[in-house]
Amino acid sequence: MDLETIIQELKIVESNLVSIKPSIECYLFGSILTNPQLANDIDVLILYEDNRLLDIVKHEFNLLSTYYPIHLSCFTFSEQRELNFVKGQKALKIFSL
């Protein structure tokens, strides 16, 4: 898989979500960052604040999963602070809304 193509596709998801103004952050982590050509899936982390908008956010990423093997993980900002997942996984921020 090509990392730059994946990032471009995630930026399209970002543009689709701008209109609903969710408070979210999107990160890539895992093998797609360390060895994209050998990655079996694309690990995406979504940090969110408002649970009411999470279904809409997930829907946008699920549309992308029809073309790519997306593995979506979703944490609240509070859970991320407790787990320190972003730092521990050396995740790459793709966008923040």
Protein backbone atom coordinates (compact mmCIF):
# COMPACT_ATOMS: atom_id res chain seq x y z
CA MET A 1 0.00 0.00 0.00
CA ASP A 2 1.13 3.53 -0.68
CA LEU A 3 1.17 5.73 2.43
CA GLU A 4 0.72 8.98 0.50
CA THR A 5 -2.38 7.62 -1.26
CA ILE A 6 -3.86 6.52 2.06
CA ILE A 7 -3.24 9.97 3.55
CA GLN A 8 -4.92 11.60 0.54
CA GLU A 9 -7.95 9.31 0.95
CA LEU A 10 -8.19 10.21 4.64
CA LYS A 11 -8.09 13.90 3.71
CA ILE A 12 -11.16 13.27 1.53
CA VAL A 13 -12.91 11.80 4.57
CA GLU A 14 -11.90 14.94 6.46
CA SER A 15 -13.49 17.16 3.81
CA ASN A 16 -16.70 15.10 3.99
CA LEU A 17 -16.86 15.58 7.76
CA VAL A 18 -16.13 19.32 7.90
CA SER A 19 -19.79 20.24 7.44
CA ILE A 20 -20.94 18.45 10.60
CA LYS A 21 -18.12 19.98 12.67
CA PRO A 22 -17.35 16.99 14.85
CA SER A 23 -14.61 17.39 17.41
CA ILE A 24 -12.34 14.59 16.19
CA GLU A 25 -8.74 13.78 15.44
CA CYS A 26 -7.59 11.14 12.97
CA TYR A 27 -4.29 9.24 13.27
CA LEU A 28 -2.52 6.46 11.44
CA PHE A 29 -0.51 3.92 13.41
CA GLY A 30 0.97 0.47 13.06
CA SER A 31 2.60 -1.23 10.10
CA ILE A 32 1.25 1.24 7.52
CA LEU A 33 3.75 3.73 8.98
CA THR A 34 6.70 1.40 9.43
CA ASN A 35 6.41 -0.79 6.33
CA PRO A 36 3.52 0.23 4.04
CA GLN A 37 4.35 -2.30 1.30
CA LEU A 38 3.95 -5.21 3.73
CA ALA A 39 1.02 -3.84 5.75
CA ASN A 40 -2.01 -6.15 5.85
CA ASP A 41 -4.34 -3.41 7.02
CA ILE A 42 -4.51 0.29 7.74
CA ASP A 43 -4.79 1.09 11.42
CA VAL A 44 -6.75 4.31 11.93
CA LEU A 45 -7.39 5.89 15.31
CA ILE A 46 -10.27 8.30 15.77
CA LEU A 47 -10.36 10.44 18.89
CA TYR A 48 -13.75 11.98 19.51
CA GLU A 49 -15.66 14.09 21.98
CA ASP A 50 -19.33 13.80 21.06
CA ASN A 51 -20.71 10.27 21.04
CA ARG A 52 -23.80 11.47 19.14
CA LEU A 53 -21.69 12.18 16.02
CA LEU A 54 -19.59 9.02 16.21
CA ASP A 55 -21.94 6.99 13.98
CA ILE A 56 -21.65 9.60 11.22
CA VAL A 57 -17.86 9.64 11.55
CA LYS A 58 -17.69 5.85 11.46
CA HIS A 59 -19.92 5.79 8.39
CA GLU A 60 -17.46 7.96 6.45
CA PHE A 61 -14.56 5.68 7.37
CA ASN A 62 -16.60 2.58 6.57
CA LEU A 63 -17.16 3.92 3.06
CA LEU A 64 -13.39 4.05 2.68
CA SER A 65 -13.11 0.49 3.96
CA THR A 66 -14.83 -0.77 0.81
CA TYR A 67 -11.58 0.12 -1.01
CA TYR A 68 -8.96 -0.36 1.69
CA PRO A 69 -8.55 -2.78 4.62
CA ILE A 70 -9.28 -0.19 7.32
CA HIS A 71 -9.05 -1.23 10.96
CA LEU A 72 -10.78 1.55 12.89
CA SER A 73 -10.18 2.19 16.59
CA CYS A 74 -12.17 4.88 18.39
CA PHE A 75 -11.32 6.44 21.75
CA THR A 76 -12.66 9.47 23.51
CA PHE A 77 -10.15 12.23 24.17
CA SER A 78 -10.38 11.28 27.84
CA GLU A 79 -9.55 7.62 27.12
CA GLN A 80 -6.58 8.71 25.02
CA ARG A 81 -5.25 10.83 27.90
CA GLU A 82 -5.52 7.82 30.22
CA LEU A 83 -3.96 5.32 27.79
CA ASN A 84 -1.49 7.68 26.09
CA PHE A 85 -2.11 5.56 22.99
CA VAL A 86 -0.97 8.13 20.43
CA LYS A 87 2.48 8.50 21.95
CA GLY A 88 2.84 4.80 22.74
CA GLN A 89 2.02 3.80 19.15
CA LYS A 90 3.97 6.70 17.59
CA ALA A 91 0.79 7.56 15.72
CA LEU A 92 0.82 10.13 12.93
CA LYS A 93 -1.88 12.82 13.06
CA ILE A 94 -3.65 13.11 9.71
CA PHE A 95 -6.26 15.71 10.60
CA SER A 96 -8.04 17.47 13.42
CA LEU A 97 -11.55 18.95 13.26
